[in-house]
Amino acid sequence: MVKVFFNTFGCKTNQYDSALLGQSLERSGFELTGKLEQADWVVVNTCSVTKRGEDKACQWVRKVGREFPGVGIAVVGCSVEVSAGRFRELEGVGLLLGTEEKFRLGEVLRERLERINGSGPALEEQRGRIGLTGKYEGREILSAHAERARAFVKIQDGCDNRCTYCIVPYARGRSRSRPWEQIVAEARALEEAGHYEAVLTGIHIGGYGRDLAGRPSLSVLVEKVLAATDRIRLRLSSVEATEVDSRLIELLSRELRLCRHLHLPLQHGSASVLARMGRKYNPEEYKAALDRVLDSLGHPGLGTDVIAGFPGESEKEFEECFNYIAALPFTYLHVFPYSPRPGTPAALLAGRPPVAAVRERVRRMRELSKKKQENFLKEQLGSRLSVLHESRLSSGVSVCRADNYVRAYHRGASPAGGFILVAERTWRDGVWGRLEC
């Protein structure tokens, strides 16, 4: 039996896609392995959001080709759509499959293996079909995920926003919503398989339903999934602050199975930089949207994304951004230095700040993130956290995740399913607690 090893780079949507590809391969007669040295084929699911992420995938493929010369390598996903040339000449690469084409991986591999004496091209490349129909193309239901507690449920793909720095629309195409019936069926299947949390994920989940009959919103979808399941809790992946409607806020405040955690990407706190980025709000509009959330939820887990060193970013603009973010109750920040992506409008903009200046701005933002996280952890002390088990350290300490995204630790084994942990002190990057009897 042909053994296949997966290595996935990038976002939660990529993780979902890899899980679905793995399930499809197993049903087609392939065997998945977690050991690279046992693999006949390696599948590399790539990410093109930053050059650094793409570089890591290239380096890993090059290493596999060098150290495992008999292994076939299939490079799939976003980087194949926008940077296929970086992988074509790498040792061992036999397949390049784009964002949509990768879902034919099992069929393509089977055809390749059935060829007599390996006839046919040494390298096969298929890409360019992203969003040709304008609809979410049918996929099988993902019935289980490798991570026991948490699973991802993809609700849409692609994005129509066209932020000036972002390569994703070129790699994944226009926004395409998955029919809600498929999503509900998948959530139920994952619950039946023993998962305790489902993360609703996609590229632009706040735009869910706009291309479907009846235009069901993200909040309507959440209601439908909650109504169709009994135990599994739901978490939302990144969603634009201005797309969190009153109905979703009400659900977050009322439904115990909807995690009190939002990741609301900001990117910058200066109006002039946001305009150059092509973002669809200004700082005042973002804060107004955030205030609506806070008025109902108090202080939930609240994350955001920040880009430092965007073309033209002056010291004044950075300070505006820093002060703006410092004043908001974020509990963590994902901070990135600007990464120019070929073909995007921002890559043509002049005035990129010096590398040393960008490095210092990233450092300051990450230090701010650390302080915000520490303050939020202190707020948890003495509180009852609803947590799920994630893993166990070699020392016997259990690692858990609270519904507000705080990491929690306790001694010994965790009960099955969700349970209550009383936070006693901060520890490592989270809180240490005791099980509530």
Protein backbone atom coordinates (compact mmCIF):
# COMPACT_ATOMS: atom_id res chain seq x y z
CA MET A 1 0.00 0.00 0.00
CA VAL A 2 1.32 3.44 -0.95
CA LYS A 3 2.11 5.52 2.15
CA VAL A 4 1.60 9.30 2.16
CA PHE A 5 2.99 11.90 4.57
CA PHE A 6 1.46 15.40 4.90
CA ASN A 7 3.14 18.65 5.86
CA THR A 8 0.80 21.65 6.05
CA PHE A 9 1.92 25.26 6.14
CA GLY A 10 -0.25 28.26 6.98
CA CYS A 11 -3.80 28.86 8.11
CA LYS A 12 -6.65 26.87 9.65
CA THR A 13 -8.26 26.61 6.21
CA ASN A 14 -5.16 24.84 4.96
CA GLN A 15 -5.32 22.48 7.94
CA TYR A 16 -8.91 21.65 7.07
CA ASP A 17 -8.03 21.10 3.40
CA SER A 18 -5.21 18.73 4.37
CA ALA A 19 -7.51 16.76 6.68
CA LEU A 20 -10.03 16.41 3.85
CA LEU A 21 -7.31 15.38 1.38
CA GLY A 22 -6.02 12.79 3.83
CA GLN A 23 -9.49 11.32 4.32
CA SER A 24 -10.01 11.17 0.56
CA LEU A 25 -6.66 9.43 0.04
CA GLU A 26 -7.43 6.82 2.70
CA ARG A 27 -10.78 6.09 1.09
CA SER A 28 -8.96 5.68 -2.24
CA GLY A 29 -6.67 2.99 -0.87
CA PHE A 30 -3.66 5.03 0.25
CA GLU A 31 -2.23 4.82 3.76
CA LEU A 32 -1.36 7.94 5.77
CA THR A 33 1.81 7.90 7.85
CA GLY A 34 3.16 10.29 10.45
CA LYS A 35 6.73 9.18 9.76
CA LEU A 36 8.49 10.82 6.84
CA GLU A 37 10.98 7.98 6.47
CA GLN A 38 8.13 5.54 5.74
CA ALA A 39 6.51 7.64 3.02
CA ASP A 40 6.35 6.83 -0.69
CA TRP A 41 4.82 10.25 -1.39
CA VAL A 42 4.93 13.52 0.50
CA VAL A 43 2.16 16.12 0.17
CA VAL A 44 3.16 19.72 0.94
CA ASN A 45 0.16 22.03 1.36
CA THR A 46 1.58 25.51 0.90
CA CYS A 47 0.87 29.04 2.13
CA SER A 48 1.55 32.19 0.09
CA VAL A 49 0.48 34.93 2.54
CA THR A 50 4.08 35.95 3.27
CA LYS A 51 7.37 35.36 1.48
CA ARG A 52 8.74 33.86 4.68
CA GLY A 53 6.00 31.22 4.74
CA GLU A 54 6.66 30.35 1.12
CA ASP A 55 10.41 30.22 1.78
CA LYS A 56 9.87 27.71 4.58
CA ALA A 57 7.90 25.42 2.28
CA CYS A 58 10.60 25.66 -0.42
CA GLN A 59 13.34 24.88 2.09
CA TRP A 60 11.44 21.89 3.43
CA VAL A 61 10.78 20.49 -0.04
CA ARG A 62 14.43 20.94 -0.95
CA LYS A 63 15.47 19.10 2.22
CA VAL A 64 13.12 16.17 1.53
CA GLY A 65 14.34 15.90 -2.05
CA ARG A 66 17.92 15.80 -0.84
CA GLU A 67 17.51 13.42 2.12
CA PHE A 68 14.84 11.11 0.66
CA PRO A 69 15.67 10.82 -3.05
CA GLY A 70 13.20 7.99 -3.71
CA VAL A 71 10.17 9.84 -2.37
CA GLY A 72 7.70 11.54 -4.70
CA ILE A 73 6.68 15.06 -3.71
CA ALA A 74 3.31 16.66 -4.44
CA VAL A 75 3.28 20.43 -3.84
CA VAL A 76 -0.28 21.70 -3.59
CA GLY A 77 -2.32 24.78 -2.74
CA CYS A 78 -1.84 28.52 -2.72
CA SER A 79 1.82 28.82 -3.67
CA VAL A 80 1.25 26.67 -6.75
CA GLU A 81 -1.27 29.25 -7.98
CA VAL A 82 1.01 32.26 -7.54
CA SER A 83 4.61 30.96 -7.32
CA ALA A 84 4.74 27.60 -9.09
CA GLY A 85 8.12 28.45 -10.61
CA ARG A 86 9.77 28.28 -7.20
CA PHE A 87 8.97 24.56 -6.95
CA ARG A 88 9.23 23.25 -10.52
CA GLU A 89 12.95 22.57 -10.50
CA LEU A 90 13.23 21.20 -6.97
CA GLU A 91 14.48 17.64 -6.64
CA GLY A 92 11.73 15.06 -6.24
CA VAL A 93 8.77 17.26 -7.13
CA GLY A 94 6.44 15.24 -9.35
CA LEU A 95 3.11 17.01 -8.90
CA LEU A 96 2.08 20.66 -8.72
CA LEU A 97 -1.64 21.03 -7.99
CA GLY A 98 -3.38 24.36 -7.47
CA THR A 99 -5.99 25.40 -4.94
CA GLU A 100 -8.90 23.58 -6.61
CA GLU A 101 -6.90 20.94 -8.42
CA LYS A 102 -5.46 19.57 -5.17
CA PHE A 103 -8.81 17.96 -4.40
CA ARG A 104 -8.12 15.58 -7.31
CA LEU A 105 -4.90 14.44 -5.62
CA GLY A 106 -6.03 10.84 -5.09
CA GLU A 107 -7.17 10.48 -8.69
CA VAL A 108 -4.00 12.07 -10.09
CA LEU A 109 -1.73 9.95 -7.89
CA ARG A 110 -3.58 6.77 -8.80
CA GLU A 111 -3.31 7.52 -12.54
CA ARG A 112 0.38 8.25 -12.16
CA LEU A 113 1.05 5.01 -10.28
CA GLU A 114 -0.87 2.94 -12.82
CA ARG A 115 1.21 4.11 -15.78
CA ILE A 116 3.36 1.35 -17.17
CA ASN A 117 7.09 1.91 -16.67
CA GLY A 118 6.41 5.41 -15.39
CA SER A 119 5.53 6.75 -18.83
CA GLY A 120 4.29 10.32 -18.98
CA PRO A 121 5.84 13.60 -17.84
CA ALA A 122 8.23 13.59 -14.88
CA LEU A 123 6.44 16.68 -13.59
CA GLU A 124 2.69 17.19 -13.86
CA GLU A 125 1.23 20.64 -13.22
CA GLN A 126 -2.43 21.54 -12.89
CA ARG A 127 -3.61 24.95 -11.67
CA GLY A 128 -5.75 27.94 -12.57
CA ARG A 129 -9.25 26.62 -11.88
CA ILE A 130 -9.86 28.70 -8.74
CA GLY A 131 -13.44 29.83 -8.62
CA LEU A 132 -14.22 29.25 -12.30
CA THR A 133 -17.84 28.38 -11.50
CA GLY A 134 -18.30 31.08 -8.86
CA LYS A 135 -19.68 28.42 -6.50
CA TYR A 136 -18.23 26.33 -3.70
CA GLU A 137 -17.50 23.05 -5.41
CA GLY A 138 -18.94 19.99 -3.72
CA ARG A 139 -16.67 18.03 -1.42
CA GLU A 140 -17.16 15.01 0.76
CA ILE A 141 -18.00 15.49 4.44
CA LEU A 142 -15.00 15.49 6.79
CA SER A 143 -15.98 12.87 9.36
CA ALA A 144 -13.00 13.11 11.73
CA HIS A 145 -9.89 15.16 12.40
CA ALA A 146 -6.48 14.07 13.68
CA GLU A 147 -6.71 16.41 16.68
CA ARG A 148 -9.11 14.65 18.99
CA ALA A 149 -10.70 17.58 20.83
CA ARG A 150 -10.86 20.24 18.12
CA ALA A 151 -11.79 19.99 14.46
CA PHE A 152 -12.07 22.56 11.69
CA VAL A 153 -15.18 23.06 9.58
CA LYS A 154 -14.64 25.05 6.39
CA ILE A 155 -17.62 27.28 5.61
CA GLN A 156 -16.34 29.23 2.60
CA ASP A 157 -13.29 29.86 0.43
CA GLY A 158 -11.81 32.86 -1.36
CA CYS A 159 -12.18 36.59 -0.80
CA ASP A 160 -13.56 39.59 -2.72
CA ASN A 161 -12.02 42.36 -0.59
CA ARG A 162 -8.77 42.82 -2.55
CA CYS A 163 -6.74 44.51 0.18
CA THR A 164 -3.73 46.00 -1.57
CA TYR A 165 -1.14 43.87 0.29
CA CYS A 166 -2.96 40.53 0.08
CA ILE A 167 -2.12 37.71 -2.34
CA VAL A 168 -4.92 35.42 -1.10
CA PRO A 169 -7.60 36.40 -3.70
CA TYR A 170 -5.09 35.55 -6.43
CA ALA A 171 -4.37 32.19 -4.78
CA ARG A 172 -7.91 31.20 -3.72
CA GLY A 173 -10.20 33.15 -6.02
CA ARG A 174 -13.49 34.90 -5.30
CA SER A 175 -15.54 34.29 -2.16
CA ARG A 176 -17.61 31.11 -2.42
CA SER A 177 -19.88 30.00 0.42
CA ARG A 178 -20.46 26.36 1.24
CA PRO A 179 -24.13 25.36 1.44
CA TRP A 180 -25.24 25.42 5.07
CA GLU A 181 -26.71 21.91 4.80
CA GLN A 182 -23.20 20.49 4.18
CA ILE A 183 -21.78 22.44 7.09
CA VAL A 184 -24.47 21.24 9.49
CA ALA A 185 -24.00 17.65 8.33
CA GLU A 186 -20.25 17.90 8.86
CA ALA A 187 -20.58 19.38 12.35
CA ARG A 188 -22.91 16.55 13.33
CA ALA A 189 -20.51 13.94 11.90
CA LEU A 190 -17.60 15.45 13.84
CA GLU A 191 -19.66 15.46 17.03
CA GLU A 192 -20.55 11.80 16.50
CA ALA A 193 -16.85 11.04 15.92
CA GLY A 194 -16.06 12.35 19.42
CA HIS A 195 -14.86 15.90 18.77
CA TYR A 196 -15.78 18.48 21.39
CA GLU A 197 -15.06 21.70 19.49
CA ALA A 198 -15.55 22.80 15.88
CA VAL A 199 -13.82 25.89 14.54
CA LEU A 200 -15.79 27.53 11.73
CA THR A 201 -13.08 28.59 9.34
CA GLY A 202 -12.56 30.08 5.89
CA ILE A 203 -10.81 32.98 4.19
CA HIS A 204 -13.54 35.61 4.68
CA ILE A 205 -16.14 34.07 6.97
CA GLY A 206 -17.87 37.40 7.68
CA GLY A 207 -19.01 37.39 4.06
CA TYR A 208 -20.60 33.97 4.41
CA GLY A 209 -23.87 33.48 2.53
CA ARG A 210 -23.85 36.54 0.30
CA ASP A 211 -23.59 34.32 -2.77
CA LEU A 212 -26.19 31.77 -1.62
CA ALA A 213 -29.94 31.73 -2.17
CA GLY A 214 -31.63 33.62 0.65
CA ARG A 215 -28.28 35.14 1.68
CA PRO A 216 -27.97 33.34 5.05
CA SER A 217 -25.50 35.27 7.21
CA LEU A 218 -22.74 33.93 9.46
CA SER A 219 -25.02 34.39 12.49
CA VAL A 220 -27.80 32.40 10.80
CA LEU A 221 -25.31 29.61 10.04
CA VAL A 222 -24.14 29.55 13.67
CA GLU A 223 -27.76 29.23 14.83
CA LYS A 224 -28.36 26.33 12.45
CA VAL A 225 -25.24 24.45 13.58
CA LEU A 226 -26.06 24.95 17.27
CA ALA A 227 -29.64 23.77 16.71
CA ALA A 228 -28.48 20.62 14.88
CA THR A 229 -25.86 19.55 17.47
CA ASP A 230 -26.06 18.65 21.16
CA ARG A 231 -22.60 18.81 22.69
CA ILE A 232 -19.93 20.23 20.42
CA ARG A 233 -18.94 23.83 21.09
CA LEU A 234 -18.29 26.29 18.27
CA ARG A 235 -15.44 28.74 17.81
CA LEU A 236 -15.17 31.35 15.08
CA SER A 237 -11.92 31.90 13.23
CA SER A 238 -10.91 35.38 12.06
CA VAL A 239 -13.86 37.66 11.22
CA GLU A 240 -13.95 41.36 10.29
CA ALA A 241 -15.10 43.53 13.21
CA THR A 242 -17.56 45.45 11.02
CA GLU A 243 -19.19 42.14 9.98
CA VAL A 244 -20.06 41.03 13.51
CA ASP A 245 -23.77 41.83 13.46
CA SER A 246 -26.15 42.29 16.40
CA ARG A 247 -27.53 38.78 15.94
CA LEU A 248 -24.07 37.23 16.28
CA ILE A 249 -23.31 39.37 19.34
CA GLU A 250 -26.55 38.20 20.94
CA LEU A 251 -25.61 34.58 20.25
CA LEU A 252 -22.15 35.09 21.75
CA SER A 253 -23.69 36.53 24.91
CA ARG A 254 -26.40 33.84 25.25
CA GLU A 255 -25.17 30.52 23.86
CA LEU A 256 -22.88 28.61 26.22
CA ARG A 257 -21.62 26.44 23.33
CA LEU A 258 -20.40 29.45 21.33
CA CYS A 259 -16.91 30.39 22.51
CA ARG A 260 -16.47 33.89 23.92
CA HIS A 261 -13.47 34.54 21.71
CA LEU A 262 -13.17 36.71 18.62
CA HIS A 263 -10.24 37.38 16.35
CA LEU A 264 -10.98 40.72 14.65
CA PRO A 265 -8.20 41.63 12.17
CA LEU A 266 -7.28 45.32 12.32
CA GLN A 267 -3.97 45.45 10.36
CA HIS A 268 -3.25 49.08 11.35
CA GLY A 269 -4.47 51.87 13.60
CA SER A 270 -3.72 54.84 11.33
CA ALA A 271 -6.47 56.04 9.00
CA SER A 272 -4.01 56.96 6.25
CA VAL A 273 -2.31 53.55 6.31
CA LEU A 274 -5.66 51.72 6.37
CA ALA A 275 -6.65 53.71 3.26
CA ARG A 276 -3.45 52.67 1.46
CA MET A 277 -4.11 49.08 2.50
CA GLY A 278 -7.56 49.20 0.93
CA ARG A 279 -9.26 48.22 4.19
CA LYS A 280 -12.99 48.97 4.28
CA TYR A 281 -13.10 50.91 7.56
CA ASN A 282 -11.29 53.66 9.43
CA PRO A 283 -10.15 53.55 13.08
CA GLU A 284 -13.38 55.17 14.33
CA GLU A 285 -15.56 52.63 12.51
CA TYR A 286 -13.49 49.72 13.80
CA LYS A 287 -13.70 50.99 17.39
CA ALA A 288 -17.46 51.50 17.10
CA ALA A 289 -17.84 47.89 15.95
CA LEU A 290 -15.59 46.69 18.77
CA ASP A 291 -17.54 48.71 21.35
CA ARG A 292 -20.76 46.99 20.28
CA VAL A 293 -19.12 43.64 21.04
CA LEU A 294 -17.70 44.78 24.38
CA ASP A 295 -20.98 46.33 25.53
CA SER A 296 -22.60 42.89 25.43
CA LEU A 297 -19.73 40.53 26.19
CA GLY A 298 -17.62 42.39 28.73
CA HIS A 299 -14.05 41.26 28.10
CA PRO A 300 -13.94 38.15 25.91
CA GLY A 301 -10.81 36.67 24.39
CA LEU A 302 -10.00 39.27 21.76
CA GLY A 303 -7.23 38.98 19.20
CA THR A 304 -6.17 40.96 16.17
CA ASP A 305 -3.59 41.14 13.36
CA VAL A 306 -1.15 44.02 12.90
CA ILE A 307 1.18 44.74 9.97
CA ALA A 308 4.25 46.86 10.71
CA GLY A 309 6.33 48.55 8.01
CA PHE A 310 3.69 48.95 5.31
CA PRO A 311 4.97 51.11 2.40
CA GLY A 312 4.96 54.76 3.37
CA GLU A 313 4.46 54.09 7.08
CA SER A 314 5.95 57.10 8.85
CA GLU A 315 6.99 57.30 12.50
CA LYS A 316 3.88 59.39 13.12
CA GLU A 317 1.62 56.78 11.52
CA PHE A 318 3.24 53.99 13.50
CA GLU A 319 2.82 55.90 16.77
CA GLU A 320 -0.84 56.47 15.88
CA CYS A 321 -1.19 52.74 15.37
CA PHE A 322 0.66 51.84 18.58
CA ASN A 323 -1.35 54.23 20.75
CA TYR A 324 -4.64 53.19 19.16
CA ILE A 325 -3.99 49.50 19.83
CA ALA A 326 -2.62 50.17 23.34
CA ALA A 327 -5.93 51.79 24.28
CA LEU A 328 -8.08 48.85 23.11
CA PRO A 329 -8.69 45.71 25.23
CA PHE A 330 -7.06 43.17 22.95
CA THR A 331 -5.86 40.07 24.77
CA TYR A 332 -3.22 39.14 22.18
CA LEU A 333 -1.79 40.48 18.92
CA HIS A 334 -0.48 38.65 15.85
CA VAL A 335 2.22 41.01 14.60
CA PHE A 336 3.81 40.69 11.16
CA PRO A 337 6.38 42.75 9.28
CA TYR A 338 5.00 43.76 5.88
CA SER A 339 5.83 41.17 3.22
CA PRO A 340 5.57 42.40 -0.39
CA ARG A 341 3.85 39.85 -2.62
CA PRO A 342 4.45 40.05 -6.38
CA GLY A 343 1.36 41.06 -8.33
CA THR A 344 -0.34 42.92 -5.47
CA PRO A 345 -0.84 46.73 -5.71
CA ALA A 346 1.07 47.39 -2.48
CA ALA A 347 4.20 45.72 -3.88
CA LEU A 348 4.47 48.67 -6.31
CA LEU A 349 4.21 51.35 -3.61
CA ALA A 350 7.29 53.38 -2.79
CA GLY A 351 8.54 54.41 0.62
CA ARG A 352 9.13 51.17 2.47
CA PRO A 353 10.61 51.95 5.90
CA PRO A 354 14.18 50.83 6.64
CA VAL A 355 14.54 47.22 7.77
CA ALA A 356 15.91 48.26 11.17
CA ALA A 357 12.93 50.56 11.75
CA VAL A 358 10.47 47.81 10.85
CA ARG A 359 12.24 45.36 13.14
CA GLU A 360 11.96 47.82 16.05
CA ARG A 361 8.27 48.46 15.34
CA VAL A 362 7.56 44.73 15.30
CA ARG A 363 9.46 44.35 18.59
CA ARG A 364 7.43 47.11 20.27
CA MET A 365 4.15 45.68 19.05
CA ARG A 366 5.03 42.19 20.24
CA GLU A 367 6.05 43.56 23.61
CA LEU A 368 2.68 45.31 23.81
CA SER A 369 1.01 42.00 22.95
CA LYS A 370 2.90 40.28 25.76
CA LYS A 371 1.72 42.86 28.29
CA LYS A 372 -1.88 42.62 27.13
CA GLN A 373 -1.78 38.84 27.36
CA GLU A 374 -0.28 38.98 30.86
CA ASN A 375 -2.97 41.41 32.04
CA PHE A 376 -5.74 39.23 30.62
CA LEU A 377 -4.32 36.14 32.33
CA LYS A 378 -4.32 37.97 35.68
CA GLU A 379 -7.97 38.83 35.12
CA GLN A 380 -8.75 35.11 34.96
CA LEU A 381 -7.44 34.30 38.45
CA GLY A 382 -10.19 33.03 40.70
CA SER A 383 -12.59 32.55 37.78
CA ARG A 384 -14.23 29.35 36.56
CA LEU A 385 -13.01 28.55 33.04
CA SER A 386 -14.81 26.23 30.63
CA VAL A 387 -11.96 24.21 29.11
CA LEU A 388 -11.20 21.31 26.77
CA HIS A 389 -8.19 19.03 26.94
CA GLU A 390 -5.63 19.52 24.13
CA SER A 391 -2.51 17.54 25.03
CA ARG A 392 -0.34 16.29 27.88
CA LEU A 393 3.24 17.22 28.71
CA SER A 394 5.84 14.57 29.52
CA SER A 395 5.68 15.75 33.12
CA GLY A 396 2.05 14.62 33.33
CA VAL A 397 0.63 18.14 33.18
CA SER A 398 -2.50 18.46 31.03
CA VAL A 399 -2.72 21.32 28.53
CA CYS A 400 -6.23 22.69 27.95
CA ARG A 401 -7.91 25.55 26.08
CA ALA A 402 -10.63 27.73 27.60
CA ASP A 403 -13.56 29.03 25.59
CA ASN A 404 -12.01 32.54 25.76
CA TYR A 405 -8.84 31.10 24.19
CA VAL A 406 -6.75 31.18 27.37
CA ARG A 407 -4.39 28.23 27.68
CA ALA A 408 -4.87 26.39 30.97
CA TYR A 409 -2.80 23.75 32.75
CA HIS A 410 -3.50 21.31 35.54
CA ARG A 411 -1.88 18.27 37.14
CA GLY A 412 -3.01 14.82 36.05
CA ALA A 413 -5.48 13.56 33.47
CA SER A 414 -8.35 15.64 32.13
CA PRO A 415 -11.95 14.44 32.23
CA ALA A 416 -13.54 13.54 28.90
CA GLY A 417 -15.32 16.41 27.18
CA GLY A 418 -15.59 19.90 28.56
CA PHE A 419 -15.03 20.63 32.23
CA ILE A 420 -14.55 23.53 34.65
CA LEU A 421 -11.11 24.63 35.82
CA VAL A 422 -10.64 27.22 38.56
CA ALA A 423 -7.69 29.49 37.66
CA GLU A 424 -5.29 29.84 40.62
CA ARG A 425 -2.15 31.48 39.19
CA THR A 426 -0.46 32.40 35.95
CA TRP A 427 1.89 29.76 34.58
CA ARG A 428 3.94 29.77 31.39
CA ASP A 429 1.74 31.28 28.66
CA GLY A 430 -1.52 30.60 30.46
CA VAL A 431 -3.01 29.86 33.86
CA TRP A 432 -2.60 27.00 36.31
CA GLY A 433 -5.79 25.69 37.81
CA ARG A 434 -7.59 22.95 39.69
CA LEU A 435 -10.48 20.82 38.53
CA GLU A 436 -13.79 21.83 40.03
CA CYS A 437 -15.29 18.81 41.77
